[in-house]
Amino acid sequence: NLRHEIELGNFREDLYHRLSVIVVRVPTLKERAEDIPALT
């Protein structure tokens, strides 16, 4: 969680804003369990 890392002083906020122009969140396998048969 980069926002949390920013609060801890571990990540630059200005870099975060430069990187997150487009954000793509990849779901966990649990969130897409219906895909397990095809993946298997």
PDB file of all heavy atoms in Angstrom:
ATOM      1  N   ASN A   1       0.870  -1.172   0.000  1.00  0.00           N
ATOM      2  CA  ASN A   1       0.000   0.000   0.000  1.00  0.00           C
ATOM      3  C   ASN A   1       0.911   1.228   0.000  1.00  0.00           C
ATOM      4  O   ASN A   1       1.441   1.616   1.044  1.00  0.00           O
ATOM      5  CB  ASN A   1      -0.907  -0.015   1.230  1.00  0.00           C
ATOM      6  CG  ASN A   1      -1.879   1.153   1.244  1.00  0.00           C
ATOM      7  OD1 ASN A   1      -1.629   2.207   0.660  1.00  0.00           O
ATOM      8  ND2 ASN A   1      -2.998   0.987   1.930  1.00  0.00           N
ATOM      9  N   LEU A   2       1.114   1.828  -1.171  1.00  0.00           N
ATOM     10  CA  LEU A   2       2.082   2.913  -1.278  1.00  0.00           C
ATOM     11  C   LEU A   2       1.660   4.151  -0.489  1.00  0.00           C
ATOM     12  O   LEU A   2       2.517   4.895  -0.006  1.00  0.00           O
ATOM     13  CB  LEU A   2       2.321   3.273  -2.746  1.00  0.00           C
ATOM     14  CG  LEU A   2       3.056   2.213  -3.574  1.00  0.00           C
ATOM     15  CD1 LEU A   2       3.397   2.763  -4.950  1.00  0.00           C
ATOM     16  CD2 LEU A   2       4.323   1.728  -2.864  1.00  0.00           C
ATOM     17  N   ARG A   3       0.367   4.372  -0.344  1.00  0.00           N
ATOM     18  CA  ARG A   3      -0.073   5.516   0.468  1.00  0.00           C
ATOM     19  C   ARG A   3       0.368   5.321   1.923  1.00  0.00           C
ATOM     20  O   ARG A   3       0.778   6.280   2.594  1.00  0.00           O
ATOM     21  CB  ARG A   3      -1.588   5.683   0.373  1.00  0.00           C
ATOM     22  CG  ARG A   3      -2.058   6.172  -1.007  1.00  0.00           C
ATOM     23  CD  ARG A   3      -3.520   6.556  -0.973  1.00  0.00           C
ATOM     24  NE  ARG A   3      -3.970   7.041  -2.263  1.00  0.00           N
ATOM     25  CZ  ARG A   3      -3.831   8.299  -2.676  1.00  0.00           C
ATOM     26  NH1 ARG A   3      -3.215   9.184  -1.893  1.00  0.00           N
ATOM     27  NH2 ARG A   3      -4.286   8.674  -3.856  1.00  0.00           N
ATOM     28  N   HIS A   4       0.279   4.095   2.397  1.00  0.00           N
ATOM     29  CA  HIS A   4       0.741   3.802   3.759  1.00  0.00           C
ATOM     30  C   HIS A   4       2.256   3.947   3.843  1.00  0.00           C
ATOM     31  O   HIS A   4       2.788   4.471   4.842  1.00  0.00           O
ATOM     32  CB  HIS A   4       0.316   2.393   4.162  1.00  0.00           C
ATOM     33  CG  HIS A   4       0.715   2.012   5.553  1.00  0.00           C
ATOM     34  ND1 HIS A   4       0.328   2.715   6.666  1.00  0.00           N
ATOM     35  CD2 HIS A   4       1.491   0.983   6.009  1.00  0.00           C
ATOM     36  CE1 HIS A   4       0.826   2.166   7.757  1.00  0.00           C
ATOM     37  NE2 HIS A   4       1.539   1.113   7.385  1.00  0.00           N
ATOM     38  N   GLU A   5       2.966   3.503   2.807  1.00  0.00           N
ATOM     39  CA  GLU A   5       4.421   3.634   2.780  1.00  0.00           C
ATOM     40  C   GLU A   5       4.839   5.105   2.761  1.00  0.00           C
ATOM     41  O   GLU A   5       5.870   5.476   3.336  1.00  0.00           O
ATOM     42  CB  GLU A   5       4.997   2.907   1.561  1.00  0.00           C
ATOM     43  CG  GLU A   5       4.824   1.396   1.589  1.00  0.00           C
ATOM     44  CD  GLU A   5       5.504   0.745   2.781  1.00  0.00           C
ATOM     45  OE1 GLU A   5       6.696   1.042   3.012  1.00  0.00           O
ATOM     46  OE2 GLU A   5       4.841  -0.029   3.485  1.00  0.00           O
ATOM     47  N   ILE A   6       4.040   5.952   2.115  1.00  0.00           N
ATOM     48  CA  ILE A   6       4.314   7.401   2.116  1.00  0.00           C
ATOM     49  C   ILE A   6       4.203   7.943   3.539  1.00  0.00           C
ATOM     50  O   ILE A   6       5.048   8.726   3.997  1.00  0.00           O
ATOM     51  CB  ILE A   6       3.337   8.130   1.167  1.00  0.00           C
ATOM     52  CG1 ILE A   6       3.651   7.771  -0.293  1.00  0.00           C
ATOM     53  CG2 ILE A   6       3.419   9.648   1.365  1.00  0.00           C
ATOM     54  CD1 ILE A   6       2.578   8.213  -1.269  1.00  0.00           C
ATOM     55  N   GLU A   7       3.164   7.528   4.256  1.00  0.00           N
ATOM     56  CA  GLU A   7       2.966   7.972   5.635  1.00  0.00           C
ATOM     57  C   GLU A   7       4.122   7.534   6.530  1.00  0.00           C
ATOM     58  O   GLU A   7       4.512   8.258   7.458  1.00  0.00           O
ATOM     59  CB  GLU A   7       1.648   7.424   6.188  1.00  0.00           C
ATOM     60  CG  GLU A   7       0.409   8.010   5.524  1.00  0.00           C
ATOM     61  CD  GLU A   7      -0.864   7.332   6.003  1.00  0.00           C
ATOM     62  OE1 GLU A   7      -0.759   6.433   6.873  1.00  0.00           O
ATOM     63  OE2 GLU A   7      -1.951   7.707   5.522  1.00  0.00           O
ATOM     64  N   LEU A   8       4.690   6.374   6.243  1.00  0.00           N
ATOM     65  CA  LEU A   8       5.811   5.865   7.031  1.00  0.00           C
ATOM     66  C   LEU A   8       7.136   6.488   6.623  1.00  0.00           C
ATOM     67  O   LEU A   8       8.160   6.267   7.285  1.00  0.00           O
ATOM     68  CB  LEU A   8       5.908   4.336   6.879  1.00  0.00           C
ATOM     69  CG  LEU A   8       4.738   3.511   7.420  1.00  0.00           C
ATOM     70  CD1 LEU A   8       4.943   2.039   7.096  1.00  0.00           C
ATOM     71  CD2 LEU A   8       4.589   3.710   8.925  1.00  0.00           C
ATOM     72  N   GLY A   9       7.132   7.257   5.527  1.00  0.00           N
ATOM     73  CA  GLY A   9       8.365   7.881   5.048  1.00  0.00           C
ATOM     74  C   GLY A   9       9.217   6.973   4.198  1.00  0.00           C
ATOM     75  O   GLY A   9      10.397   7.268   3.947  1.00  0.00           O
ATOM     76  N   ASN A  10       8.637   5.876   3.719  1.00  0.00           N
ATOM     77  CA  ASN A  10       9.397   4.903   2.923  1.00  0.00           C
ATOM     78  C   ASN A  10       9.257   5.118   1.419  1.00  0.00           C
ATOM     79  O   ASN A  10      10.001   4.502   0.644  1.00  0.00           O
ATOM     80  CB  ASN A  10       8.944   3.478   3.253  1.00  0.00           C
ATOM     81  CG  ASN A  10       9.212   3.106   4.691  1.00  0.00           C
ATOM     82  OD1 ASN A  10      10.160   3.607   5.305  1.00  0.00           O
ATOM     83  ND2 ASN A  10       8.382   2.242   5.254  1.00  0.00           N
ATOM     84  N   PHE A  11       8.292   5.946   1.024  1.00  0.00           N
ATOM     85  CA  PHE A  11       8.071   6.154  -0.409  1.00  0.00           C
ATOM     86  C   PHE A  11       7.759   7.614  -0.666  1.00  0.00           C
ATOM     87  O   PHE A  11       7.041   8.258   0.095  1.00  0.00           O
ATOM     88  CB  PHE A  11       6.927   5.271  -0.928  1.00  0.00           C
ATOM     89  CG  PHE A  11       6.984   5.020  -2.403  1.00  0.00           C
ATOM     90  CD1 PHE A  11       7.793   4.034  -2.921  1.00  0.00           C
ATOM     91  CD2 PHE A  11       6.235   5.801  -3.285  1.00  0.00           C
ATOM     92  CE1 PHE A  11       7.859   3.813  -4.294  1.00  0.00           C
ATOM     93  CE2 PHE A  11       6.297   5.579  -4.642  1.00  0.00           C
ATOM     94  CZ  PHE A  11       7.113   4.586  -5.149  1.00  0.00           C
ATOM     95  N   ARG A  12       8.304   8.136  -1.760  1.00  0.00           N
ATOM     96  CA  ARG A  12       8.116   9.544  -2.110  1.00  0.00           C
ATOM     97  C   ARG A  12       6.708   9.781  -2.664  1.00  0.00           C
ATOM     98  O   ARG A  12       6.286   9.089  -3.603  1.00  0.00           O
ATOM     99  CB  ARG A  12       9.145   9.982  -3.144  1.00  0.00           C
ATOM    100  CG  ARG A  12      10.583   9.951  -2.660  1.00  0.00           C
ATOM    101  CD  ARG A  12      11.499  10.403  -3.767  1.00  0.00           C
ATOM    102  NE  ARG A  12      11.206  11.776  -4.158  1.00  0.00           N
ATOM    103  CZ  ARG A  12      12.024  12.808  -3.928  1.00  0.00           C
ATOM    104  NH1 ARG A  12      13.170  12.626  -3.297  1.00  0.00           N
ATOM    105  NH2 ARG A  12      11.691  14.030  -4.337  1.00  0.00           N
ATOM    106  N   GLU A  13       6.029  10.762  -2.109  1.00  0.00           N
ATOM    107  CA  GLU A  13       4.675  11.060  -2.562  1.00  0.00           C
ATOM    108  C   GLU A  13       4.674  11.586  -3.986  1.00  0.00           C
ATOM    109  O   GLU A  13       3.791  11.253  -4.786  1.00  0.00           O
ATOM    110  CB  GLU A  13       4.016  12.076  -1.626  1.00  0.00           C
ATOM    111  CG  GLU A  13       2.553  12.335  -1.964  1.00  0.00           C
ATOM    112  CD  GLU A  13       1.859  13.201  -0.932  1.00  0.00           C
ATOM    113  OE1 GLU A  13       2.547  13.751  -0.047  1.00  0.00           O
ATOM    114  OE2 GLU A  13       0.613  13.323  -1.015  1.00  0.00           O
ATOM    115  N   ASP A  14       5.696  12.421  -4.334  1.00  0.00           N
ATOM    116  CA  ASP A  14       5.744  12.973  -5.694  1.00  0.00           C
ATOM    117  C   ASP A  14       5.973  11.876  -6.730  1.00  0.00           C
ATOM    118  O   ASP A  14       5.401  11.911  -7.828  1.00  0.00           O
ATOM    119  CB  ASP A  14       6.803  14.067  -5.816  1.00  0.00           C
ATOM    120  CG  ASP A  14       8.135  13.703  -5.162  1.00  0.00           C
ATOM    121  OD1 ASP A  14       8.301  12.548  -4.727  1.00  0.00           O
ATOM    122  OD2 ASP A  14       9.010  14.584  -5.090  1.00  0.00           O
ATOM    123  N   LEU A  15       6.747  10.853  -6.373  1.00  0.00           N
ATOM    124  CA  LEU A  15       6.940   9.734  -7.293  1.00  0.00           C
ATOM    125  C   LEU A  15       5.655   8.933  -7.433  1.00  0.00           C
ATOM    126  O   LEU A  15       5.299   8.493  -8.535  1.00  0.00           O
ATOM    127  CB  LEU A  15       8.078   8.831  -6.812  1.00  0.00           C
ATOM    128  CG  LEU A  15       8.338   7.573  -7.656  1.00  0.00           C
ATOM    129  CD1 LEU A  15       8.634   7.930  -9.106  1.00  0.00           C
ATOM    130  CD2 LEU A  15       9.479   6.752  -7.063  1.00  0.00           C
ATOM    131  N   TYR A  16       4.954   8.756  -6.326  1.00  0.00           N
ATOM    132  CA  TYR A  16       3.674   8.025  -6.373  1.00  0.00           C
ATOM    133  C   TYR A  16       2.718   8.683  -7.367  1.00  0.00           C
ATOM    134  O   TYR A  16       2.085   7.991  -8.185  1.00  0.00           O
ATOM    135  CB  TYR A  16       3.041   7.979  -4.987  1.00  0.00           C
ATOM    136  CG  TYR A  16       1.628   7.427  -4.991  1.00  0.00           C
ATOM    137  CD1 TYR A  16       1.401   6.063  -5.124  1.00  0.00           C
ATOM    138  CD2 TYR A  16       0.536   8.285  -4.910  1.00  0.00           C
ATOM    139  CE1 TYR A  16       0.105   5.557  -5.154  1.00  0.00           C
ATOM    140  CE2 TYR A  16      -0.758   7.785  -4.929  1.00  0.00           C
ATOM    141  CZ  TYR A  16      -0.967   6.429  -5.054  1.00  0.00           C
ATOM    142  OH  TYR A  16      -2.250   5.932  -5.103  1.00  0.00           O
ATOM    143  N   HIS A  17       2.611  10.002  -7.303  1.00  0.00           N
ATOM    144  CA  HIS A  17       1.688  10.695  -8.205  1.00  0.00           C
ATOM    145  C   HIS A  17       2.148  10.596  -9.656  1.00  0.00           C
ATOM    146  O   HIS A  17       1.316  10.543 -10.571  1.00  0.00           O
ATOM    147  CB  HIS A  17       1.548  12.157  -7.781  1.00  0.00           C
ATOM    148  CG  HIS A  17       0.822  12.332  -6.475  1.00  0.00           C
ATOM    149  ND1 HIS A  17      -0.436  11.809  -6.249  1.00  0.00           N
ATOM    150  CD2 HIS A  17       1.193  12.935  -5.309  1.00  0.00           C
ATOM    151  CE1 HIS A  17      -0.824  12.093  -5.018  1.00  0.00           C
ATOM    152  NE2 HIS A  17       0.145  12.770  -4.430  1.00  0.00           N
ATOM    153  N   ARG A  18       3.463  10.558  -9.872  1.00  0.00           N
ATOM    154  CA  ARG A  18       3.982  10.392 -11.236  1.00  0.00           C
ATOM    155  C   ARG A  18       3.682   9.007 -11.791  1.00  0.00           C
ATOM    156  O   ARG A  18       3.395   8.840 -12.972  1.00  0.00           O
ATOM    157  CB  ARG A  18       5.498  10.617 -11.239  1.00  0.00           C
ATOM    158  CG  ARG A  18       5.904  12.064 -11.278  1.00  0.00           C
ATOM    159  CD  ARG A  18       5.739  12.630 -12.670  1.00  0.00           C
ATOM    160  NE  ARG A  18       6.020  14.063 -12.714  1.00  0.00           N
ATOM    161  CZ  ARG A  18       5.978  14.782 -13.825  1.00  0.00           C
ATOM    162  NH1 ARG A  18       5.654  14.204 -14.972  1.00  0.00           N
ATOM    163  NH2 ARG A  18       6.230  16.067 -13.798  1.00  0.00           N
ATOM    164  N   LEU A  19       3.743   8.012 -10.925  1.00  0.00           N
ATOM    165  CA  LEU A  19       3.542   6.629 -11.367  1.00  0.00           C
ATOM    166  C   LEU A  19       2.074   6.285 -11.557  1.00  0.00           C
ATOM    167  O   LEU A  19       1.720   5.488 -12.426  1.00  0.00           O
ATOM    168  CB  LEU A  19       4.147   5.658 -10.343  1.00  0.00           C
ATOM    169  CG  LEU A  19       5.660   5.633 -10.205  1.00  0.00           C
ATOM    170  CD1 LEU A  19       6.058   4.774  -9.016  1.00  0.00           C
ATOM    171  CD2 LEU A  19       6.317   5.118 -11.478  1.00  0.00           C
ATOM    172  N   SER A  20       1.211   6.872 -10.742  1.00  0.00           N
ATOM    173  CA  SER A  20      -0.192   6.440 -10.695  1.00  0.00           C
ATOM    174  C   SER A  20      -1.105   7.242 -11.624  1.00  0.00           C
ATOM    175  O   SER A  20      -2.260   7.471 -11.303  1.00  0.00           O
ATOM    176  CB  SER A  20      -0.715   6.523  -9.257  1.00  0.00           C
ATOM    177  OG  SER A  20      -0.616   7.849  -8.756  1.00  0.00           O
ATOM    178  N   VAL A  21      -0.570   7.634 -12.779  1.00  0.00           N
ATOM    179  CA  VAL A  21      -1.418   8.294 -13.779  1.00  0.00           C
ATOM    180  C   VAL A  21      -2.543   7.345 -14.187  1.00  0.00           C
ATOM    181  O   VAL A  21      -3.712   7.725 -14.270  1.00  0.00           O
ATOM    182  CB  VAL A  21      -0.579   8.712 -15.011  1.00  0.00           C
ATOM    183  CG1 VAL A  21      -1.480   9.302 -16.100  1.00  0.00           C
ATOM    184  CG2 VAL A  21       0.495   9.719 -14.602  1.00  0.00           C
ATOM    185  N   ILE A  22      -2.174   6.090 -14.431  1.00  0.00           N
ATOM    186  CA  ILE A  22      -3.163   5.030 -14.662  1.00  0.00           C
ATOM    187  C   ILE A  22      -2.883   3.934 -13.634  1.00  0.00           C
ATOM    188  O   ILE A  22      -1.737   3.494 -13.491  1.00  0.00           O
ATOM    189  CB  ILE A  22      -3.058   4.451 -16.084  1.00  0.00           C
ATOM    190  CG1 ILE A  22      -3.324   5.528 -17.141  1.00  0.00           C
ATOM    191  CG2 ILE A  22      -4.024   3.284 -16.275  1.00  0.00           C
ATOM    192  CD1 ILE A  22      -3.087   5.070 -18.564  1.00  0.00           C
ATOM    193  N   VAL A  23      -3.899   3.515 -12.915  1.00  0.00           N
ATOM    194  CA  VAL A  23      -3.746   2.461 -11.909  1.00  0.00           C
ATOM    195  C   VAL A  23      -4.554   1.240 -12.343  1.00  0.00           C
ATOM    196  O   VAL A  23      -5.738   1.348 -12.661  1.00  0.00           O
ATOM    197  CB  VAL A  23      -4.213   2.931 -10.514  1.00  0.00           C
ATOM    198  CG1 VAL A  23      -4.081   1.792  -9.501  1.00  0.00           C
ATOM    199  CG2 VAL A  23      -3.402   4.146 -10.057  1.00  0.00           C
ATOM    200  N   VAL A  24      -3.908   0.099 -12.363  1.00  0.00           N
ATOM    201  CA  VAL A  24      -4.577  -1.166 -12.681  1.00  0.00           C
ATOM    202  C   VAL A  24      -4.445  -2.072 -11.456  1.00  0.00           C
ATOM    203  O   VAL A  24      -3.328  -2.416 -11.057  1.00  0.00           O
ATOM    204  CB  VAL A  24      -3.955  -1.859 -13.908  1.00  0.00           C
ATOM    205  CG1 VAL A  24      -4.687  -3.168 -14.209  1.00  0.00           C
ATOM    206  CG2 VAL A  24      -3.977  -0.945 -15.118  1.00  0.00           C
ATOM    207  N   ARG A  25      -5.567  -2.432 -10.867  1.00  0.00           N
ATOM    208  CA  ARG A  25      -5.546  -3.339  -9.718  1.00  0.00           C
ATOM    209  C   ARG A  25      -5.830  -4.758 -10.199  1.00  0.00           C
ATOM    210  O   ARG A  25      -6.855  -5.017 -10.821  1.00  0.00           O
ATOM    211  CB  ARG A  25      -6.588  -2.927  -8.674  1.00  0.00           C
ATOM    212  CG  ARG A  25      -6.597  -3.868  -7.470  1.00  0.00           C
ATOM    213  CD  ARG A  25      -7.724  -3.547  -6.508  1.00  0.00           C
ATOM    214  NE  ARG A  25      -7.825  -4.583  -5.486  1.00  0.00           N
ATOM    215  CZ  ARG A  25      -8.505  -5.710  -5.618  1.00  0.00           C
ATOM    216  NH1 ARG A  25      -9.177  -5.957  -6.744  1.00  0.00           N
ATOM    217  NH2 ARG A  25      -8.539  -6.606  -4.644  1.00  0.00           N
ATOM    218  N   VAL A  26      -4.908  -5.661  -9.893  1.00  0.00           N
ATOM    219  CA  VAL A  26      -5.068  -7.065 -10.287  1.00  0.00           C
ATOM    220  C   VAL A  26      -5.736  -7.816  -9.135  1.00  0.00           C
ATOM    221  O   VAL A  26      -5.241  -7.795  -8.008  1.00  0.00           O
ATOM    222  CB  VAL A  26      -3.707  -7.707 -10.620  1.00  0.00           C
ATOM    223  CG1 VAL A  26      -3.909  -9.123 -11.159  1.00  0.00           C
ATOM    224  CG2 VAL A  26      -2.962  -6.863 -11.642  1.00  0.00           C
ATOM    225  N   PRO A  27      -6.862  -8.478  -9.375  1.00  0.00           N
ATOM    226  CA  PRO A  27      -7.597  -9.143  -8.290  1.00  0.00           C
ATOM    227  C   PRO A  27      -6.875 -10.380  -7.775  1.00  0.00           C
ATOM    228  O   PRO A  27      -6.076 -10.997  -8.478  1.00  0.00           O
ATOM    229  CB  PRO A  27      -8.926  -9.521  -8.953  1.00  0.00           C
ATOM    230  CG  PRO A  27      -8.572  -9.697 -10.394  1.00  0.00           C
ATOM    231  CD  PRO A  27      -7.526  -8.655 -10.686  1.00  0.00           C
ATOM    232  N   THR A  28      -7.193 -10.744  -6.551  1.00  0.00           N
ATOM    233  CA  THR A  28      -6.691 -11.998  -5.997  1.00  0.00           C
ATOM    234  C   THR A  28      -7.410 -13.164  -6.676  1.00  0.00           C
ATOM    235  O   THR A  28      -8.468 -12.984  -7.287  1.00  0.00           O
ATOM    236  CB  THR A  28      -6.958 -12.067  -4.484  1.00  0.00           C
ATOM    237  OG1 THR A  28      -8.383 -12.058  -4.271  1.00  0.00           O
ATOM    238  CG2 THR A  28      -6.329 -10.889  -3.758  1.00  0.00           C
ATOM    239  N   LEU A  29      -6.845 -14.352  -6.539  1.00  0.00           N
ATOM    240  CA  LEU A  29      -7.493 -15.525  -7.123  1.00  0.00           C
ATOM    241  C   LEU A  29      -8.822 -15.797  -6.429  1.00  0.00           C
ATOM    242  O   LEU A  29      -9.778 -16.253  -7.065  1.00  0.00           O
ATOM    243  CB  LEU A  29      -6.573 -16.744  -7.017  1.00  0.00           C
ATOM    244  CG  LEU A  29      -7.071 -18.029  -7.683  1.00  0.00           C
ATOM    245  CD1 LEU A  29      -7.405 -17.802  -9.149  1.00  0.00           C
ATOM    246  CD2 LEU A  29      -6.046 -19.140  -7.538  1.00  0.00           C
ATOM    247  N   LYS A  30      -8.910 -15.481  -5.149  1.00  0.00           N
ATOM    248  CA  LYS A  30     -10.156 -15.679  -4.411  1.00  0.00           C
ATOM    249  C   LYS A  30     -11.265 -14.812  -4.999  1.00  0.00           C
ATOM    250  O   LYS A  30     -12.432 -15.213  -5.033  1.00  0.00           O
ATOM    251  CB  LYS A  30      -9.947 -15.346  -2.935  1.00  0.00           C
ATOM    252  CG  LYS A  30     -11.156 -15.632  -2.058  1.00  0.00           C
ATOM    253  CD  LYS A  30     -10.863 -15.321  -0.607  1.00  0.00           C
ATOM    254  CE  LYS A  30     -12.078 -15.556   0.259  1.00  0.00           C
ATOM    255  NZ  LYS A  30     -11.815 -15.245   1.684  1.00  0.00           N
ATOM    256  N   GLU A  31     -10.917 -13.619  -5.476  1.00  0.00           N
ATOM    257  CA  GLU A  31     -11.901 -12.715  -6.062  1.00  0.00           C
ATOM    258  C   GLU A  31     -12.364 -13.185  -7.434  1.00  0.00           C
ATOM    259  O   GLU A  31     -13.394 -12.730  -7.928  1.00  0.00           O
ATOM    260  CB  GLU A  31     -11.316 -11.306  -6.175  1.00  0.00           C
ATOM    261  CG  GLU A  31     -11.089 -10.611  -4.853  1.00  0.00           C
ATOM    262  CD  GLU A  31     -10.408  -9.272  -5.033  1.00  0.00           C
ATOM    263  OE1 GLU A  31      -9.166  -9.239  -5.116  1.00  0.00           O
ATOM    264  OE2 GLU A  31     -11.120  -8.247  -5.109  1.00  0.00           O
ATOM    265  N   ARG A  32     -11.589 -14.042  -8.064  1.00  0.00           N
ATOM    266  CA  ARG A  32     -11.956 -14.544  -9.387  1.00  0.00           C
ATOM    267  C   ARG A  32     -11.953 -16.073  -9.395  1.00  0.00           C
ATOM    268  O   ARG A  32     -11.477 -16.724 -10.330  1.00  0.00           O
ATOM    269  CB  ARG A  32     -10.996 -13.995 -10.444  1.00  0.00           C
ATOM    270  CG  ARG A  32      -9.522 -14.087 -10.074  1.00  0.00           C
ATOM    271  CD  ARG A  32      -8.594 -13.590 -11.140  1.00  0.00           C
ATOM    272  NE  ARG A  32      -8.724 -14.299 -12.375  1.00  0.00           N
ATOM    273  CZ  ARG A  32      -7.725 -14.499 -13.246  1.00  0.00           C
ATOM    274  NH1 ARG A  32      -6.531 -14.042 -12.997  1.00  0.00           N
ATOM    275  NH2 ARG A  32      -7.934 -15.151 -14.364  1.00  0.00           N
ATOM    276  N   ALA A  33     -12.526 -16.653  -8.327  1.00  0.00           N
ATOM    277  CA  ALA A  33     -12.512 -18.108  -8.157  1.00  0.00           C
ATOM    278  C   ALA A  33     -13.180 -18.839  -9.317  1.00  0.00           C
ATOM    279  O   ALA A  33     -12.836 -19.983  -9.616  1.00  0.00           O
ATOM    280  CB  ALA A  33     -13.187 -18.487  -6.841  1.00  0.00           C
ATOM    281  N   GLU A  34     -14.121 -18.185  -9.991  1.00  0.00           N
ATOM    282  CA  GLU A  34     -14.794 -18.843 -11.112  1.00  0.00           C
ATOM    283  C   GLU A  34     -13.854 -19.105 -12.285  1.00  0.00           C
ATOM    284  O   GLU A  34     -14.183 -19.875 -13.199  1.00  0.00           O
ATOM    285  CB  GLU A  34     -15.985 -18.002 -11.576  1.00  0.00           C
ATOM    286  CG  GLU A  34     -15.621 -16.640 -12.129  1.00  0.00           C
ATOM    287  CD  GLU A  34     -16.792 -15.677 -12.107  1.00  0.00           C
ATOM    288  OE1 GLU A  34     -17.529 -15.642 -13.101  1.00  0.00           O
ATOM    289  OE2 GLU A  34     -16.945 -14.962 -11.109  1.00  0.00           O
ATOM    290  N   ASP A  35     -12.670 -18.484 -12.262  1.00  0.00           N
ATOM    291  CA  ASP A  35     -11.681 -18.715 -13.327  1.00  0.00           C
ATOM    292  C   ASP A  35     -10.774 -19.902 -13.036  1.00  0.00           C
ATOM    293  O   ASP A  35      -9.969 -20.282 -13.892  1.00  0.00           O
ATOM    294  CB  ASP A  35     -10.807 -17.465 -13.517  1.00  0.00           C
ATOM    295  CG  ASP A  35     -11.591 -16.276 -14.054  1.00  0.00           C
ATOM    296  OD1 ASP A  35     -12.608 -16.512 -14.733  1.00  0.00           O
ATOM    297  OD2 ASP A  35     -11.187 -15.132 -13.801  1.00  0.00           O
ATOM    298  N   ILE A  36     -10.873 -20.478 -11.839  1.00  0.00           N
ATOM    299  CA  ILE A  36      -9.974 -21.573 -11.460  1.00  0.00           C
ATOM    300  C   ILE A  36     -10.059 -22.764 -12.421  1.00  0.00           C
ATOM    301  O   ILE A  36      -9.023 -23.324 -12.794  1.00  0.00           O
ATOM    302  CB  ILE A  36     -10.230 -22.004  -9.993  1.00  0.00           C
ATOM    303  CG1 ILE A  36      -9.711 -20.912  -9.052  1.00  0.00           C
ATOM    304  CG2 ILE A  36      -9.557 -23.347  -9.682  1.00  0.00           C
ATOM    305  CD1 ILE A  36      -9.991 -21.172  -7.586  1.00  0.00           C
ATOM    306  N   PRO A  37     -11.262 -23.199 -12.876  1.00  0.00           N
ATOM    307  CA  PRO A  37     -11.293 -24.321 -13.824  1.00  0.00           C
ATOM    308  C   PRO A  37     -10.508 -24.050 -15.113  1.00  0.00           C
ATOM    309  O   PRO A  37      -9.737 -24.906 -15.566  1.00  0.00           O
ATOM    310  CB  PRO A  37     -12.794 -24.485 -14.114  1.00  0.00           C
ATOM    311  CG  PRO A  37     -13.452 -23.989 -12.864  1.00  0.00           C
ATOM    312  CD  PRO A  37     -12.613 -22.832 -12.417  1.00  0.00           C
ATOM    313  N   ALA A  38     -10.683 -22.863 -15.696  1.00  0.00           N
ATOM    314  CA  ALA A  38      -9.964 -22.537 -16.931  1.00  0.00           C
ATOM    315  C   ALA A  38      -8.458 -22.455 -16.689  1.00  0.00           C
ATOM    316  O   ALA A  38      -7.653 -22.951 -17.493  1.00  0.00           O
ATOM    317  CB  ALA A  38     -10.472 -21.210 -17.503  1.00  0.00           C
ATOM    318  N   LEU A  39      -8.057 -21.835 -15.581  1.00  0.00           N
ATOM    319  CA  LEU A  39      -6.637 -21.731 -15.252  1.00  0.00           C
ATOM    320  C   LEU A  39      -6.035 -23.109 -15.000  1.00  0.00           C
ATOM    321  O   LEU A  39      -4.922 -23.409 -15.449  1.00  0.00           O
ATOM    322  CB  LEU A  39      -6.454 -20.853 -14.013  1.00  0.00           C
ATOM    323  CG  LEU A  39      -6.706 -19.356 -14.212  1.00  0.00           C
ATOM    324  CD1 LEU A  39      -6.874 -18.662 -12.864  1.00  0.00           C
ATOM    325  CD2 LEU A  39      -5.577 -18.715 -14.999  1.00  0.00           C
ATOM    326  N   THR A  40      -6.782 -23.972 -14.303  1.00  0.00           N
ATOM    327  CA  THR A  40      -6.283 -25.310 -14.006  1.00  0.00           C
ATOM    328  C   THR A  40      -6.071 -26.114 -15.282  1.00  0.00           C
ATOM    329  O   THR A  40      -5.023 -26.761 -15.468  1.00  0.00           O
ATOM    330  CB  THR A  40      -7.271 -26.053 -13.073  1.00  0.00           C
ATOM    331  OG1 THR A  40      -7.403 -25.315 -11.853  1.00  0.00           O
ATOM    332  CG2 THR A  40      -6.776 -27.452 -12.762  1.00  0.00           C
TER     333      THR A  40
END
